[in-house]
Amino acid sequence: YKISLMTRLLLRLVYTTISIVLRILPDQVMHFILKSNKDIPKVDQKVVARNVEGITELFRVSLRQGAPGLLADLRRCFGTHAEVENIVRYHYADESKDDLPEIYIHHGKMDVNVPFCHGQHMHENIFHKKSKLISFEHHGHFSLIAEESETYVKSVMI
């Protein structure tokens, strides 16, 4: 996909501004985002309320790369070309390859950050028989990580 020069400059200005604000006031911005997000399921709201400091620190660390990194991440997320998906598909498309590890996809059905259909898509269209989709009916994005991490660890232990 192509982005016009004016759009690139505008995006760079927006992301640079966001990056500066987040570097100056990361805690305040993250606290505001976490406390004002009423669209996430109650189960996630409870986990976020208990872990605001930790999530804020993760957010701060993820932004250390600055505006160029943020812009690159957004291009990957919202672009029409998924590089990573194509690379993984290349390796997993040949079902005769038995040296590839089985992939476990853990996904909460109440996840509004990354909808459940994303996990289904990965399972059905990318990894095929080399994956196992493990769904959690009553979990969202944050609650799955916070409350089911042992389930994840047990599933990948050899």
N, C-alpha and C. Protein backbone atom coordinates (compact mmCIF):
# COMPACT_ATOMS: atom_id res chain seq x y z
N TYR A 1 0.83 -1.17 0.00
CA TYR A 1 0.00 0.00 0.00
C TYR A 1 0.88 1.24 0.00
N LYS A 2 0.37 2.34 -0.52
CA LYS A 2 1.15 3.56 -0.59
C LYS A 2 0.47 4.64 0.25
N ILE A 3 1.31 5.41 0.92
CA ILE A 3 0.82 6.53 1.72
C ILE A 3 1.41 7.79 1.11
N SER A 4 0.57 8.79 0.88
CA SER A 4 1.07 10.02 0.27
C SER A 4 2.04 10.73 1.20
N LEU A 5 2.86 11.60 0.63
CA LEU A 5 3.84 12.36 1.40
C LEU A 5 3.15 13.20 2.48
N MET A 6 2.06 13.86 2.13
CA MET A 6 1.34 14.70 3.09
C MET A 6 0.80 13.85 4.25
N THR A 7 0.27 12.68 3.92
CA THR A 7 -0.25 11.80 4.97
C THR A 7 0.87 11.33 5.88
N ARG A 8 2.03 10.97 5.28
CA ARG A 8 3.17 10.55 6.09
C ARG A 8 3.62 11.65 7.03
N LEU A 9 3.70 12.88 6.51
CA LEU A 9 4.12 14.01 7.36
C LEU A 9 3.13 14.27 8.47
N LEU A 10 1.84 14.20 8.15
CA LEU A 10 0.81 14.42 9.16
C LEU A 10 0.87 13.33 10.22
N LEU A 11 1.01 12.07 9.80
CA LEU A 11 1.11 10.97 10.76
C LEU A 11 2.34 11.12 11.64
N ARG A 12 3.46 11.48 11.03
CA ARG A 12 4.69 11.67 11.80
C ARG A 12 4.51 12.78 12.85
N LEU A 13 3.85 13.86 12.47
CA LEU A 13 3.59 14.95 13.41
C LEU A 13 2.71 14.47 14.57
N VAL A 14 1.64 13.76 14.23
CA VAL A 14 0.73 13.25 15.26
C VAL A 14 1.47 12.29 16.19
N TYR A 15 2.19 11.32 15.64
CA TYR A 15 2.87 10.33 16.45
C TYR A 15 4.02 10.93 17.25
N THR A 16 4.70 11.91 16.69
CA THR A 16 5.76 12.59 17.44
C THR A 16 5.16 13.33 18.62
N THR A 17 4.04 14.00 18.39
CA THR A 17 3.36 14.71 19.48
C THR A 17 2.92 13.73 20.56
N ILE A 18 2.31 12.64 20.16
CA ILE A 18 1.88 11.62 21.11
C ILE A 18 3.09 11.08 21.88
N SER A 19 4.17 10.81 21.17
CA SER A 19 5.37 10.29 21.80
C SER A 19 5.93 11.25 22.84
N ILE A 20 5.95 12.54 22.52
CA ILE A 20 6.46 13.55 23.45
C ILE A 20 5.58 13.61 24.70
N VAL A 21 4.27 13.65 24.50
CA VAL A 21 3.34 13.71 25.63
C VAL A 21 3.51 12.46 26.50
N LEU A 22 3.62 11.31 25.86
CA LEU A 22 3.75 10.07 26.63
C LEU A 22 5.08 9.99 27.37
N ARG A 23 6.12 10.59 26.81
CA ARG A 23 7.41 10.60 27.52
C ARG A 23 7.40 11.56 28.70
N ILE A 24 6.67 12.66 28.56
CA ILE A 24 6.61 13.65 29.64
C ILE A 24 5.65 13.22 30.74
N LEU A 25 4.49 12.71 30.34
CA LEU A 25 3.44 12.36 31.30
C LEU A 25 2.93 10.92 31.11
N PRO A 26 3.79 9.93 31.06
CA PRO A 26 3.30 8.58 30.74
C PRO A 26 2.31 8.04 31.77
N ASP A 27 2.60 8.25 33.04
CA ASP A 27 1.71 7.72 34.08
C ASP A 27 0.32 8.36 34.00
N GLN A 28 0.29 9.69 33.85
CA GLN A 28 -1.00 10.38 33.82
C GLN A 28 -1.83 9.94 32.60
N VAL A 29 -1.16 9.83 31.45
CA VAL A 29 -1.86 9.42 30.22
C VAL A 29 -2.38 8.00 30.37
N MET A 30 -1.54 7.10 30.84
CA MET A 30 -1.96 5.71 30.96
C MET A 30 -3.04 5.54 32.01
N HIS A 31 -2.93 6.22 33.13
CA HIS A 31 -3.98 6.16 34.16
C HIS A 31 -5.30 6.63 33.58
N PHE A 32 -5.26 7.71 32.81
CA PHE A 32 -6.48 8.22 32.18
C PHE A 32 -7.08 7.19 31.23
N ILE A 33 -6.23 6.61 30.38
CA ILE A 33 -6.71 5.62 29.41
C ILE A 33 -7.32 4.42 30.12
N LEU A 34 -6.62 3.90 31.12
CA LEU A 34 -7.10 2.70 31.81
C LEU A 34 -8.36 2.95 32.61
N LYS A 35 -8.43 4.10 33.26
CA LYS A 35 -9.60 4.38 34.10
C LYS A 35 -10.81 4.84 33.31
N SER A 36 -10.60 5.34 32.09
CA SER A 36 -11.73 5.85 31.32
C SER A 36 -12.25 4.84 30.30
N ASN A 37 -11.61 3.69 30.20
CA ASN A 37 -12.02 2.72 29.19
C ASN A 37 -13.14 1.84 29.73
N LYS A 38 -14.37 2.31 29.54
CA LYS A 38 -15.55 1.57 30.02
C LYS A 38 -16.06 0.57 29.01
N ASP A 39 -15.39 0.49 27.84
CA ASP A 39 -15.84 -0.44 26.80
C ASP A 39 -15.32 -1.85 27.01
N ILE A 40 -14.34 -2.00 27.87
CA ILE A 40 -13.81 -3.34 28.09
C ILE A 40 -14.73 -4.08 29.07
N PRO A 41 -14.75 -5.42 28.98
CA PRO A 41 -15.63 -6.20 29.85
C PRO A 41 -15.27 -6.00 31.32
N LYS A 42 -16.25 -6.21 32.18
CA LYS A 42 -16.06 -6.03 33.63
C LYS A 42 -14.89 -6.86 34.16
N VAL A 43 -14.74 -8.07 33.65
CA VAL A 43 -13.66 -8.94 34.11
C VAL A 43 -12.30 -8.29 33.82
N ASP A 44 -12.16 -7.61 32.68
CA ASP A 44 -10.92 -6.89 32.37
C ASP A 44 -10.79 -5.62 33.20
N GLN A 45 -11.89 -4.92 33.44
CA GLN A 45 -11.84 -3.70 34.24
C GLN A 45 -11.30 -4.00 35.64
N LYS A 46 -11.71 -5.13 36.21
CA LYS A 46 -11.23 -5.50 37.55
C LYS A 46 -9.72 -5.76 37.55
N VAL A 47 -9.24 -6.47 36.53
CA VAL A 47 -7.81 -6.77 36.44
C VAL A 47 -7.02 -5.48 36.24
N VAL A 48 -7.50 -4.60 35.38
CA VAL A 48 -6.82 -3.32 35.13
C VAL A 48 -6.77 -2.49 36.41
N ALA A 49 -7.88 -2.43 37.14
CA ALA A 49 -7.93 -1.64 38.38
C ALA A 49 -6.91 -2.13 39.39
N ARG A 50 -6.67 -3.44 39.42
CA ARG A 50 -5.69 -4.01 40.37
C ARG A 50 -4.25 -3.84 39.91
N ASN A 51 -4.04 -3.57 38.61
CA ASN A 51 -2.68 -3.59 38.06
C ASN A 51 -2.32 -2.35 37.26
N VAL A 52 -2.87 -1.19 37.61
CA VAL A 52 -2.63 0.03 36.84
C VAL A 52 -1.14 0.34 36.76
N GLU A 53 -0.42 0.23 37.85
CA GLU A 53 1.02 0.55 37.85
C GLU A 53 1.81 -0.36 36.92
N GLY A 54 1.55 -1.65 37.00
CA GLY A 54 2.27 -2.60 36.15
C GLY A 54 1.96 -2.41 34.67
N ILE A 55 0.69 -2.18 34.35
CA ILE A 55 0.31 -1.97 32.96
C ILE A 55 0.89 -0.66 32.45
N THR A 56 0.93 0.35 33.30
CA THR A 56 1.53 1.63 32.93
C THR A 56 3.01 1.43 32.59
N GLU A 57 3.71 0.66 33.39
CA GLU A 57 5.13 0.40 33.13
C GLU A 57 5.32 -0.35 31.82
N LEU A 58 4.49 -1.35 31.54
CA LEU A 58 4.57 -2.07 30.27
C LEU A 58 4.35 -1.12 29.10
N PHE A 59 3.38 -0.23 29.24
CA PHE A 59 3.08 0.76 28.21
C PHE A 59 4.26 1.68 27.99
N ARG A 60 4.86 2.15 29.08
CA ARG A 60 6.01 3.05 28.99
C ARG A 60 7.17 2.36 28.27
N VAL A 61 7.44 1.11 28.61
CA VAL A 61 8.53 0.36 27.98
C VAL A 61 8.25 0.18 26.49
N SER A 62 7.00 -0.08 26.14
CA SER A 62 6.67 -0.31 24.73
C SER A 62 6.84 0.94 23.88
N LEU A 63 6.85 2.11 24.51
CA LEU A 63 6.99 3.36 23.77
C LEU A 63 8.42 3.90 23.73
N ARG A 64 9.36 3.17 24.27
CA ARG A 64 10.75 3.63 24.28
C ARG A 64 11.33 3.79 22.88
N GLN A 65 10.76 3.06 21.93
CA GLN A 65 11.27 3.14 20.56
C GLN A 65 10.91 4.45 19.89
N GLY A 66 10.00 5.23 20.46
CA GLY A 66 9.66 6.54 19.92
C GLY A 66 8.69 6.50 18.76
N ALA A 67 8.49 7.65 18.13
CA ALA A 67 7.50 7.80 17.07
C ALA A 67 7.76 6.92 15.85
N PRO A 68 9.00 6.78 15.37
CA PRO A 68 9.20 5.92 14.19
C PRO A 68 8.77 4.47 14.44
N GLY A 69 9.06 3.97 15.63
CA GLY A 69 8.65 2.61 15.97
C GLY A 69 7.14 2.49 16.08
N LEU A 70 6.51 3.48 16.70
CA LEU A 70 5.06 3.49 16.83
C LEU A 70 4.41 3.52 15.44
N LEU A 71 4.95 4.34 14.56
CA LEU A 71 4.42 4.43 13.20
C LEU A 71 4.59 3.09 12.48
N ALA A 72 5.72 2.44 12.65
CA ALA A 72 5.96 1.14 12.01
C ALA A 72 4.97 0.10 12.54
N ASP A 73 4.74 0.12 13.86
CA ASP A 73 3.77 -0.82 14.45
C ASP A 73 2.37 -0.59 13.90
N LEU A 74 1.98 0.67 13.80
CA LEU A 74 0.65 0.98 13.29
C LEU A 74 0.50 0.58 11.83
N ARG A 75 1.55 0.75 11.05
CA ARG A 75 1.50 0.31 9.65
C ARG A 75 1.29 -1.20 9.57
N ARG A 76 2.00 -1.93 10.45
CA ARG A 76 1.86 -3.39 10.45
C ARG A 76 0.45 -3.81 10.87
N CYS A 77 -0.10 -3.10 11.85
CA CYS A 77 -1.43 -3.46 12.36
C CYS A 77 -2.54 -3.11 11.40
N PHE A 78 -2.44 -1.96 10.76
CA PHE A 78 -3.56 -1.47 9.96
C PHE A 78 -3.31 -1.56 8.46
N GLY A 79 -2.16 -2.04 8.06
CA GLY A 79 -1.87 -2.17 6.64
C GLY A 79 -2.60 -3.36 6.03
N THR A 80 -2.64 -3.40 4.74
CA THR A 80 -3.30 -4.51 4.06
C THR A 80 -2.36 -5.67 3.85
N HIS A 81 -1.07 -5.47 4.05
CA HIS A 81 -0.08 -6.51 3.84
C HIS A 81 0.48 -6.95 5.20
N ALA A 82 0.24 -8.18 5.57
CA ALA A 82 0.71 -8.68 6.86
C ALA A 82 1.97 -9.51 6.66
N GLU A 83 3.13 -8.87 6.82
CA GLU A 83 4.42 -9.54 6.62
C GLU A 83 4.57 -10.80 7.47
N VAL A 84 4.30 -10.63 8.76
CA VAL A 84 4.50 -11.73 9.69
C VAL A 84 3.60 -12.90 9.32
N GLU A 85 2.36 -12.59 8.99
CA GLU A 85 1.42 -13.65 8.62
C GLU A 85 1.93 -14.42 7.40
N ASN A 86 2.46 -13.72 6.42
CA ASN A 86 2.97 -14.38 5.22
C ASN A 86 4.18 -15.26 5.53
N ILE A 87 5.05 -14.78 6.41
CA ILE A 87 6.24 -15.56 6.78
C ILE A 87 5.83 -16.84 7.50
N VAL A 88 4.92 -16.69 8.47
CA VAL A 88 4.46 -17.86 9.22
C VAL A 88 3.72 -18.82 8.30
N ARG A 89 2.85 -18.28 7.44
CA ARG A 89 2.10 -19.12 6.51
C ARG A 89 3.05 -19.92 5.61
N TYR A 90 4.12 -19.29 5.17
CA TYR A 90 5.10 -19.96 4.31
C TYR A 90 5.66 -21.21 5.00
N HIS A 91 5.99 -21.07 6.28
CA HIS A 91 6.60 -22.18 7.00
C HIS A 91 5.58 -23.25 7.40
N TYR A 92 4.36 -22.83 7.70
CA TYR A 92 3.37 -23.78 8.19
C TYR A 92 2.45 -24.33 7.10
N ALA A 93 2.50 -23.80 5.89
CA ALA A 93 1.59 -24.24 4.83
C ALA A 93 1.88 -25.67 4.40
N ASP A 94 3.13 -26.07 4.43
CA ASP A 94 3.51 -27.41 4.03
C ASP A 94 3.30 -28.35 5.21
N GLU A 95 2.20 -29.08 5.17
CA GLU A 95 1.84 -29.94 6.30
C GLU A 95 2.76 -31.16 6.44
N SER A 96 3.61 -31.39 5.45
CA SER A 96 4.54 -32.52 5.54
C SER A 96 5.71 -32.21 6.46
N LYS A 97 5.89 -30.92 6.76
CA LYS A 97 6.98 -30.54 7.68
C LYS A 97 6.56 -30.91 9.09
N ASP A 98 7.24 -31.88 9.66
CA ASP A 98 6.88 -32.27 11.02
C ASP A 98 7.86 -31.75 12.06
N ASP A 99 8.80 -30.93 11.64
CA ASP A 99 9.78 -30.38 12.57
C ASP A 99 9.33 -29.06 13.18
N LEU A 100 8.16 -28.56 12.78
CA LEU A 100 7.67 -27.29 13.32
C LEU A 100 6.86 -27.55 14.59
N PRO A 101 7.00 -26.67 15.57
CA PRO A 101 6.27 -26.87 16.82
C PRO A 101 4.78 -26.61 16.65
N GLU A 102 3.99 -27.28 17.49
CA GLU A 102 2.56 -26.99 17.51
C GLU A 102 2.38 -25.63 18.20
N ILE A 103 1.47 -24.85 17.68
CA ILE A 103 1.20 -23.52 18.21
C ILE A 103 -0.06 -23.56 19.07
N TYR A 104 0.01 -23.00 20.26
CA TYR A 104 -1.15 -22.90 21.13
C TYR A 104 -1.64 -21.46 21.11
N ILE A 105 -2.87 -21.28 20.71
CA ILE A 105 -3.46 -19.94 20.65
C ILE A 105 -4.48 -19.85 21.77
N HIS A 106 -4.17 -19.07 22.80
CA HIS A 106 -5.07 -18.86 23.93
C HIS A 106 -5.81 -17.55 23.69
N HIS A 107 -7.13 -17.59 23.74
CA HIS A 107 -7.87 -16.37 23.43
C HIS A 107 -9.16 -16.29 24.25
N GLY A 108 -9.37 -15.12 24.84
CA GLY A 108 -10.60 -14.88 25.59
C GLY A 108 -11.72 -14.46 24.64
N LYS A 109 -12.87 -15.06 24.78
CA LYS A 109 -13.98 -14.74 23.89
C LYS A 109 -14.56 -13.35 24.15
N MET A 110 -14.24 -12.76 25.30
CA MET A 110 -14.74 -11.42 25.61
C MET A 110 -13.71 -10.33 25.28
N ASP A 111 -12.63 -10.69 24.62
CA ASP A 111 -11.55 -9.76 24.30
C ASP A 111 -12.04 -8.72 23.28
N VAL A 112 -11.98 -7.45 23.66
CA VAL A 112 -12.34 -6.38 22.73
C VAL A 112 -11.10 -5.70 22.16
N ASN A 113 -9.93 -5.96 22.76
CA ASN A 113 -8.68 -5.40 22.24
C ASN A 113 -8.24 -6.14 20.99
N VAL A 114 -8.27 -7.45 21.06
CA VAL A 114 -7.96 -8.31 19.91
C VAL A 114 -9.11 -9.32 19.85
N PRO A 115 -10.09 -9.06 18.99
CA PRO A 115 -11.28 -9.92 18.96
C PRO A 115 -10.96 -11.39 18.73
N PHE A 116 -11.83 -12.25 19.25
CA PHE A 116 -11.64 -13.69 19.17
C PHE A 116 -11.47 -14.17 17.74
N CYS A 117 -12.10 -13.50 16.79
CA CYS A 117 -12.01 -13.92 15.38
C CYS A 117 -10.57 -13.87 14.88
N HIS A 118 -9.70 -13.06 15.50
CA HIS A 118 -8.29 -13.02 15.10
C HIS A 118 -7.61 -14.35 15.43
N GLY A 119 -7.89 -14.86 16.63
CA GLY A 119 -7.33 -16.17 17.00
C GLY A 119 -7.87 -17.27 16.11
N GLN A 120 -9.16 -17.21 15.80
CA GLN A 120 -9.75 -18.20 14.90
C GLN A 120 -9.09 -18.14 13.52
N HIS A 121 -8.88 -16.92 13.02
CA HIS A 121 -8.26 -16.75 11.71
C HIS A 121 -6.86 -17.37 11.70
N MET A 122 -6.08 -17.09 12.73
CA MET A 122 -4.73 -17.66 12.80
C MET A 122 -4.80 -19.19 12.80
N HIS A 123 -5.71 -19.72 13.60
CA HIS A 123 -5.85 -21.17 13.73
C HIS A 123 -6.29 -21.81 12.41
N GLU A 124 -7.30 -21.26 11.79
CA GLU A 124 -7.90 -21.87 10.60
C GLU A 124 -7.15 -21.57 9.30
N ASN A 125 -6.53 -20.41 9.20
CA ASN A 125 -5.96 -19.99 7.92
C ASN A 125 -4.45 -19.91 7.86
N ILE A 126 -3.79 -19.93 8.99
CA ILE A 126 -2.34 -19.79 8.97
C ILE A 126 -1.66 -21.07 9.46
N PHE A 127 -2.00 -21.51 10.66
CA PHE A 127 -1.31 -22.65 11.25
C PHE A 127 -1.95 -23.99 10.93
N HIS A 128 -3.20 -23.98 10.57
CA HIS A 128 -3.94 -25.19 10.19
C HIS A 128 -3.86 -26.25 11.28
N LYS A 129 -3.43 -27.45 10.92
CA LYS A 129 -3.40 -28.56 11.86
C LYS A 129 -2.25 -28.47 12.86
N LYS A 130 -1.39 -27.48 12.68
CA LYS A 130 -0.24 -27.32 13.58
C LYS A 130 -0.58 -26.41 14.77
N SER A 131 -1.86 -26.09 14.93
CA SER A 131 -2.22 -25.22 16.05
C SER A 131 -3.38 -25.80 16.82
N LYS A 132 -3.49 -25.32 18.04
CA LYS A 132 -4.62 -25.69 18.89
C LYS A 132 -5.17 -24.38 19.45
N LEU A 133 -6.43 -24.12 19.17
CA LEU A 133 -7.09 -22.91 19.67
C LEU A 133 -7.76 -23.24 21.00
N ILE A 134 -7.33 -22.55 22.03
CA ILE A 134 -7.89 -22.75 23.36
C ILE A 134 -8.66 -21.47 23.70
N SER A 135 -9.98 -21.61 23.79
CA SER A 135 -10.80 -20.42 24.05
C SER A 135 -11.24 -20.39 25.51
N PHE A 136 -11.42 -19.18 25.99
CA PHE A 136 -11.85 -18.95 27.37
C PHE A 136 -13.10 -18.09 27.32
N GLU A 137 -14.22 -18.71 27.59
CA GLU A 137 -15.53 -18.09 27.43
C GLU A 137 -15.69 -16.81 28.24
N HIS A 138 -15.21 -16.78 29.46
CA HIS A 138 -15.47 -15.66 30.37
C HIS A 138 -14.25 -14.78 30.63
N HIS A 139 -13.36 -14.70 29.65
CA HIS A 139 -12.19 -13.86 29.80
C HIS A 139 -12.06 -12.90 28.63
N GLY A 140 -11.43 -11.75 28.93
CA GLY A 140 -11.13 -10.77 27.92
C GLY A 140 -9.63 -10.76 27.67
N HIS A 141 -9.10 -9.59 27.37
CA HIS A 141 -7.69 -9.43 27.03
C HIS A 141 -6.80 -9.49 28.28
N PHE A 142 -7.08 -8.63 29.24
CA PHE A 142 -6.25 -8.54 30.43
C PHE A 142 -6.51 -9.68 31.40
N SER A 143 -7.77 -10.07 31.56
CA SER A 143 -8.09 -11.12 32.53
C SER A 143 -7.50 -12.46 32.12
N LEU A 144 -7.43 -12.73 30.83
CA LEU A 144 -6.85 -13.99 30.37
C LEU A 144 -5.38 -14.07 30.77
N ILE A 145 -4.66 -12.98 30.55
CA ILE A 145 -3.24 -12.94 30.90
C ILE A 145 -3.05 -13.05 32.42
N ALA A 146 -3.86 -12.29 33.16
CA ALA A 146 -3.69 -12.24 34.61
C ALA A 146 -4.16 -13.51 35.32
N GLU A 147 -5.21 -14.13 34.82
CA GLU A 147 -5.82 -15.22 35.58
C GLU A 147 -5.63 -16.61 34.97
N GLU A 148 -5.14 -16.69 33.75
CA GLU A 148 -4.98 -18.00 33.11
C GLU A 148 -3.54 -18.27 32.66
N SER A 149 -2.59 -17.54 33.23
CA SER A 149 -1.20 -17.72 32.80
C SER A 149 -0.69 -19.13 33.11
N GLU A 150 -1.15 -19.73 34.19
CA GLU A 150 -0.73 -21.10 34.52
C GLU A 150 -1.23 -22.08 33.47
N THR A 151 -2.44 -21.87 32.99
CA THR A 151 -3.00 -22.74 31.94
C THR A 151 -2.13 -22.66 30.70
N TYR A 152 -1.70 -21.45 30.35
CA TYR A 152 -0.82 -21.26 29.20
C TYR A 152 0.50 -22.00 29.40
N VAL A 153 1.12 -21.81 30.54
CA VAL A 153 2.42 -22.43 30.80
C VAL A 153 2.31 -23.94 30.74
N LYS A 154 1.26 -24.50 31.36
CA LYS A 154 1.07 -25.95 31.35
C LYS A 154 0.88 -26.48 29.94
N SER A 155 0.20 -25.72 29.08
CA SER A 155 -0.07 -26.20 27.73
C SER A 155 1.18 -26.25 26.86
N VAL A 156 2.17 -25.44 27.17
CA VAL A 156 3.37 -25.42 26.33
C VAL A 156 4.55 -26.18 26.94
N MET A 157 4.37 -26.70 28.13
CA MET A 157 5.44 -27.48 28.77
C MET A 157 5.57 -28.83 28.07
N ILE A 158 6.79 -29.21 27.83
CA ILE A 158 7.04 -30.49 27.15
C ILE A 158 7.48 -31.52 28.15
